[in-house]
Amino acid sequence: MTDAVLGRRDAILAMGLGLTAALAADGSAKAAESMVLPAGSSTLADLVAKLEKAPRRRDFKSVPMILTDKNYWDHEALADVLSYRGSPRQAWDNTDIASPWLNGMRNALNAQVFGFKHANFLVVSATHGTAHFALLDQAMWDKYQLAKLIKDKFEKNTFIAEQPGAKADPKDFENAEGVFSGHNVSIPALMRRGVVFLACHNTMWEVSEKLMKAGINPDKLSHDAMAAELTNHIIPGCVLTPGIVGTLPELAAAGYSYVK
């Protein structure tokens, strides 16, 4: 059997875990869909299963500026990420929604999984700044006119919309318009490949302050109540942290390499 055939056989993707990582274009959870994980990625698959089971509290009425109680963030899910023993592990410091941050993570996955044959490679998006807007559902974009805060670079949250390449056969991994191509760059697509998106409490607190100063507060909420509402509308599958800048050292200590 030739090396080319072996490579193609080894790259056949494991399907059918039936996890609910995928998101509809409006940001709501839709029917369970298959993950797209490499053959031999049992360690990564175990993490994905743990993260699906880990609780996410999204019923806050108010949140404080500085989180001191772990019950205000997804501490169990974050602990699972920090204790992951697969390798390699990358933590991407993503701050600019207009940068090619999703595509960069896609390229890293392709090179590690298909090129270097690291089936348990894990990408974590340490998401804050304007990039964090992509982790909020369309209801928050509409209610708080989030497009205005990024100077209308994006009129709506297109980052959670499925792309045409998602419909292709993942077994054809060289398809230039397929599952692993630039025609399938979205948060749902990356989640199906095991990427973990970390959300930032501090960003939501600071965005709330900006919105209040701009007079964008249709329900006349207090600062802590608005930050709570934004927290409650983080898209499914994300892992809320007490703050990304403070979580990055934890990831580094756990063996994650830093990517800016």
Protein backbone atom coordinates (compact mmCIF):
# COMPACT_ATOMS: atom_id res chain seq x y z
CA MET A 1 0.00 0.00 0.00
CA THR A 2 1.45 3.39 -1.01
CA ASP A 3 2.15 6.26 1.38
CA ALA A 4 -0.51 8.31 -0.42
CA VAL A 5 -3.12 5.64 0.17
CA LEU A 6 -2.06 5.24 3.78
CA GLY A 7 -2.28 8.98 4.28
CA ARG A 8 -5.74 9.12 2.82
CA ARG A 9 -6.86 6.13 4.90
CA ASP A 10 -5.47 7.69 8.08
CA ALA A 11 -7.28 10.94 7.32
CA ILE A 12 -10.74 9.37 7.07
CA LEU A 13 -12.77 11.31 9.56
CA ALA A 14 -14.61 9.94 12.55
CA MET A 15 -18.24 10.96 12.42
CA GLY A 16 -21.40 10.43 14.44
CA LEU A 17 -20.66 11.57 18.00
CA GLY A 18 -24.03 13.31 17.91
CA LEU A 19 -23.01 16.42 19.85
CA THR A 20 -24.81 19.74 19.80
CA ALA A 21 -21.90 22.00 18.96
CA ALA A 22 -23.41 23.28 15.73
CA LEU A 23 -25.35 26.53 15.71
CA ALA A 24 -28.07 27.84 13.46
CA ALA A 25 -27.53 31.13 11.67
CA ASP A 26 -29.59 32.93 14.31
CA GLY A 27 -27.34 31.57 17.05
CA SER A 28 -29.84 29.13 18.55
CA ALA A 29 -28.94 25.48 19.19
CA LYS A 30 -30.26 23.21 16.48
CA ALA A 31 -30.60 19.46 16.19
CA ALA A 32 -27.58 17.43 17.18
CA GLU A 33 -25.05 17.13 14.39
CA SER A 34 -22.03 14.95 13.88
CA MET A 35 -18.58 16.07 14.92
CA VAL A 36 -15.80 15.97 12.36
CA LEU A 37 -12.83 14.58 14.26
CA PRO A 38 -9.80 12.73 12.88
CA ALA A 39 -9.42 9.00 13.25
CA GLY A 40 -7.34 8.29 16.32
CA SER A 41 -8.56 11.38 18.20
CA SER A 42 -10.01 9.54 21.20
CA THR A 43 -8.47 11.99 23.68
CA LEU A 44 -9.99 14.94 21.87
CA ALA A 45 -13.32 13.14 21.56
CA ASP A 46 -13.30 12.55 25.32
CA LEU A 47 -12.79 16.27 25.92
CA VAL A 48 -15.62 17.16 23.54
CA ALA A 49 -17.94 14.79 25.41
CA LYS A 50 -16.91 16.24 28.78
CA LEU A 51 -17.50 19.78 27.59
CA GLU A 52 -20.96 18.94 26.32
CA LYS A 53 -21.90 17.55 29.73
CA ALA A 54 -20.32 20.34 31.74
CA PRO A 55 -22.94 22.81 33.05
CA ARG A 56 -23.27 26.33 31.67
CA ARG A 57 -25.16 28.83 33.81
CA ARG A 58 -27.02 31.32 31.61
CA ASP A 59 -29.73 32.64 33.93
CA PHE A 60 -27.96 35.57 35.54
CA LYS A 61 -29.93 38.58 36.75
CA SER A 62 -26.78 40.55 37.57
CA VAL A 63 -23.04 39.96 37.61
CA PRO A 64 -20.29 41.84 39.47
CA MET A 65 -17.42 43.69 37.81
CA ILE A 66 -14.78 41.31 39.17
CA LEU A 67 -15.69 37.64 39.51
CA THR A 68 -14.53 36.06 42.76
CA ASP A 69 -17.01 33.17 42.90
CA LYS A 70 -16.37 30.38 40.38
CA ASN A 71 -20.11 29.84 40.05
CA TYR A 72 -20.17 32.99 37.91
CA TRP A 73 -18.16 31.29 35.17
CA ASP A 74 -18.04 27.84 33.55
CA HIS A 75 -15.45 26.54 36.00
CA GLU A 76 -16.05 22.85 35.37
CA ALA A 77 -15.72 23.17 31.60
CA LEU A 78 -12.68 25.40 31.97
CA ALA A 79 -11.08 22.85 34.29
CA ASP A 80 -11.60 20.20 31.61
CA VAL A 81 -9.82 22.40 29.06
CA LEU A 82 -6.93 23.12 31.42
CA SER A 83 -6.49 19.45 32.29
CA TYR A 84 -6.53 18.23 28.66
CA ARG A 85 -3.62 15.88 28.07
CA GLY A 86 -3.75 15.60 24.31
CA SER A 87 -1.10 17.40 22.29
CA PRO A 88 -0.17 19.74 20.82
CA ARG A 89 -2.33 22.47 22.36
CA GLN A 90 -2.66 26.05 21.11
CA ALA A 91 -4.29 29.07 22.75
CA TRP A 92 -5.13 31.75 20.20
CA ASP A 93 -5.36 35.28 21.61
CA ASN A 94 -8.21 36.55 19.40
CA THR A 95 -9.20 40.20 19.83
CA ASP A 96 -10.14 41.68 16.44
CA ILE A 97 -13.38 40.56 14.84
CA ALA A 98 -12.23 41.90 11.46
CA SER A 99 -9.00 39.88 11.45
CA PRO A 100 -8.73 36.43 9.79
CA TRP A 101 -8.84 34.75 13.19
CA LEU A 102 -11.20 31.90 12.28
CA ASN A 103 -9.28 31.12 9.10
CA GLY A 104 -5.99 31.09 11.00
CA MET A 105 -7.31 28.44 13.36
CA ARG A 106 -8.64 26.44 10.39
CA ASN A 107 -5.22 26.49 8.76
CA ALA A 108 -3.54 25.39 12.01
CA LEU A 109 -5.95 22.47 12.28
CA ASN A 110 -5.36 21.37 8.70
CA ALA A 111 -1.57 21.42 9.01
CA GLN A 112 -1.51 19.67 12.38
CA VAL A 113 -4.14 17.02 11.61
CA PHE A 114 -3.39 16.23 7.98
CA GLY A 115 0.23 17.27 7.68
CA PHE A 116 1.79 16.36 11.03
CA LYS A 117 -0.79 13.62 11.84
CA HIS A 118 -1.59 15.01 15.31
CA ALA A 119 -5.14 13.73 15.66
CA ASN A 120 -5.55 15.06 19.22
CA PHE A 121 -4.40 18.59 18.41
CA LEU A 122 -6.53 21.10 20.30
CA VAL A 123 -7.17 24.72 19.39
CA VAL A 124 -8.58 27.05 22.03
CA SER A 125 -9.82 30.50 21.06
CA ALA A 126 -9.16 32.92 23.91
CA THR A 127 -11.76 35.36 22.66
CA HIS A 128 -12.06 38.97 23.82
CA GLY A 129 -12.14 42.50 22.40
CA THR A 130 -14.39 42.94 19.38
CA ALA A 131 -13.87 39.28 18.42
CA HIS A 132 -16.06 38.47 21.42
CA PHE A 133 -19.08 39.94 19.60
CA ALA A 134 -19.00 36.79 17.43
CA LEU A 135 -19.79 34.76 20.56
CA LEU A 136 -23.04 36.67 21.18
CA ASP A 137 -26.24 35.65 19.47
CA GLN A 138 -28.04 37.73 16.86
CA ALA A 139 -30.63 38.89 19.39
CA MET A 140 -27.93 40.84 21.21
CA TRP A 141 -26.54 42.23 17.95
CA ASP A 142 -30.01 43.54 17.12
CA LYS A 143 -30.99 44.80 20.56
CA TYR A 144 -27.73 46.59 21.31
CA GLN A 145 -26.76 47.60 17.77
CA LEU A 146 -23.40 45.90 18.15
CA ALA A 147 -22.56 46.55 14.50
CA LYS A 148 -22.19 50.23 15.38
CA LEU A 149 -19.45 49.44 17.91
CA ILE A 150 -17.38 47.87 15.12
CA LYS A 151 -18.18 50.69 12.67
CA ASP A 152 -20.56 48.48 10.67
CA LYS A 153 -17.78 46.19 9.44
CA PHE A 154 -20.34 43.41 9.85
CA GLU A 155 -24.07 44.13 9.78
CA LYS A 156 -24.94 40.94 11.62
CA ASN A 157 -23.21 37.99 13.25
CA THR A 158 -22.17 36.12 10.14
CA PHE A 159 -19.60 34.18 12.17
CA ILE A 160 -22.25 31.78 13.44
CA ALA A 161 -23.78 31.20 10.01
CA GLU A 162 -23.15 27.91 8.25
CA GLN A 163 -21.03 28.19 5.10
CA PRO A 164 -21.49 26.37 1.77
CA GLY A 165 -18.54 24.05 2.34
CA ALA A 166 -20.23 22.51 5.38
CA LYS A 167 -22.44 20.42 3.08
CA ALA A 168 -19.52 18.66 1.39
CA ASP A 169 -18.32 15.13 2.13
CA PRO A 170 -15.63 15.37 4.85
CA LYS A 171 -13.94 12.25 3.53
CA ASP A 172 -12.83 14.34 0.55
CA PHE A 173 -10.46 16.41 2.64
CA GLU A 174 -8.64 17.85 -0.39
CA ASN A 175 -11.84 19.39 -1.76
CA ALA A 176 -10.94 23.04 -2.38
CA GLU A 177 -14.53 24.04 -1.64
CA GLY A 178 -15.20 21.44 1.03
CA VAL A 179 -15.39 20.97 4.78
CA PHE A 180 -11.75 21.86 5.46
CA SER A 181 -11.48 24.70 2.95
CA GLY A 182 -11.89 28.44 3.11
CA HIS A 183 -15.48 27.87 2.04
CA ASN A 184 -16.31 26.50 5.48
CA VAL A 185 -14.93 29.07 7.91
CA SER A 186 -17.36 29.61 10.77
CA ILE A 187 -17.66 29.07 14.49
CA PRO A 188 -19.95 26.02 14.04
CA ALA A 189 -17.50 24.46 11.57
CA LEU A 190 -14.58 24.89 13.97
CA MET A 191 -16.58 23.64 16.95
CA ARG A 192 -17.33 20.45 15.04
CA ARG A 193 -13.58 19.98 14.69
CA GLY A 194 -13.10 20.29 18.45
CA VAL A 195 -12.12 23.97 18.72
CA VAL A 196 -13.05 25.42 22.11
CA PHE A 197 -14.19 29.05 22.23
CA LEU A 198 -13.50 30.73 25.56
CA ALA A 199 -15.68 33.75 26.39
CA CYS A 200 -14.62 36.75 28.47
CA HIS A 201 -16.59 38.22 31.39
CA ASN A 202 -14.49 41.39 31.36
CA THR A 203 -15.34 42.10 27.74
CA MET A 204 -19.06 41.94 28.45
CA TRP A 205 -18.70 44.26 31.44
CA GLU A 206 -16.77 46.79 29.37
CA VAL A 207 -19.11 46.53 26.38
CA SER A 208 -22.06 47.17 28.72
CA GLU A 209 -20.40 50.35 29.92
CA LYS A 210 -19.83 51.54 26.34
CA LEU A 211 -23.44 50.82 25.43
CA MET A 212 -24.75 52.71 28.44
CA LYS A 213 -22.55 55.72 27.66
CA ALA A 214 -23.82 55.67 24.07
CA GLY A 215 -27.42 55.64 25.29
CA ILE A 216 -28.10 52.19 23.86
CA ASN A 217 -30.07 50.71 26.74
CA PRO A 218 -33.65 50.03 25.63
CA ASP A 219 -34.67 48.34 28.89
CA LYS A 220 -32.94 50.92 31.11
CA LEU A 221 -30.89 48.20 32.75
CA SER A 222 -28.22 48.72 35.36
CA HIS A 223 -24.63 48.03 34.39
CA ASP A 224 -24.55 44.69 36.20
CA ALA A 225 -27.89 43.64 34.73
CA MET A 226 -26.85 44.44 31.16
CA ALA A 227 -23.61 42.50 31.56
CA ALA A 228 -25.68 39.60 32.87
CA GLU A 229 -27.98 39.71 29.85
CA LEU A 230 -25.03 39.62 27.47
CA THR A 231 -23.63 36.67 29.42
CA ASN A 232 -26.93 34.83 29.10
CA HIS A 233 -26.76 35.23 25.32
CA ILE A 234 -23.36 33.66 24.72
CA ILE A 235 -23.83 31.15 21.92
CA PRO A 236 -24.08 27.48 22.96
CA GLY A 237 -20.90 25.50 23.35
CA CYS A 238 -18.67 28.35 24.54
CA VAL A 239 -16.85 28.29 27.87
CA LEU A 240 -17.21 31.43 29.98
CA THR A 241 -14.09 32.56 31.87
CA PRO A 242 -13.66 35.27 34.52
CA GLY A 243 -11.49 37.13 32.02
CA ILE A 244 -9.40 36.09 29.03
CA VAL A 245 -6.27 38.09 29.84
CA GLY A 246 -6.20 36.42 33.24
CA THR A 247 -6.98 32.99 31.79
CA LEU A 248 -4.14 33.02 29.27
CA PRO A 249 -1.48 32.45 31.99
CA GLU A 250 -3.52 29.48 33.22
CA LEU A 251 -3.48 28.04 29.71
CA ALA A 252 0.26 28.66 29.42
CA ALA A 253 0.88 26.91 32.75
CA ALA A 254 -1.17 23.97 31.49
CA GLY A 255 1.08 23.60 28.45
CA TYR A 256 -0.76 25.58 25.77
CA SER A 257 1.40 27.43 23.28
CA TYR A 258 0.43 31.06 22.74
CA VAL A 259 -0.63 32.37 19.33
CA LYS A 260 -1.40 36.04 18.72
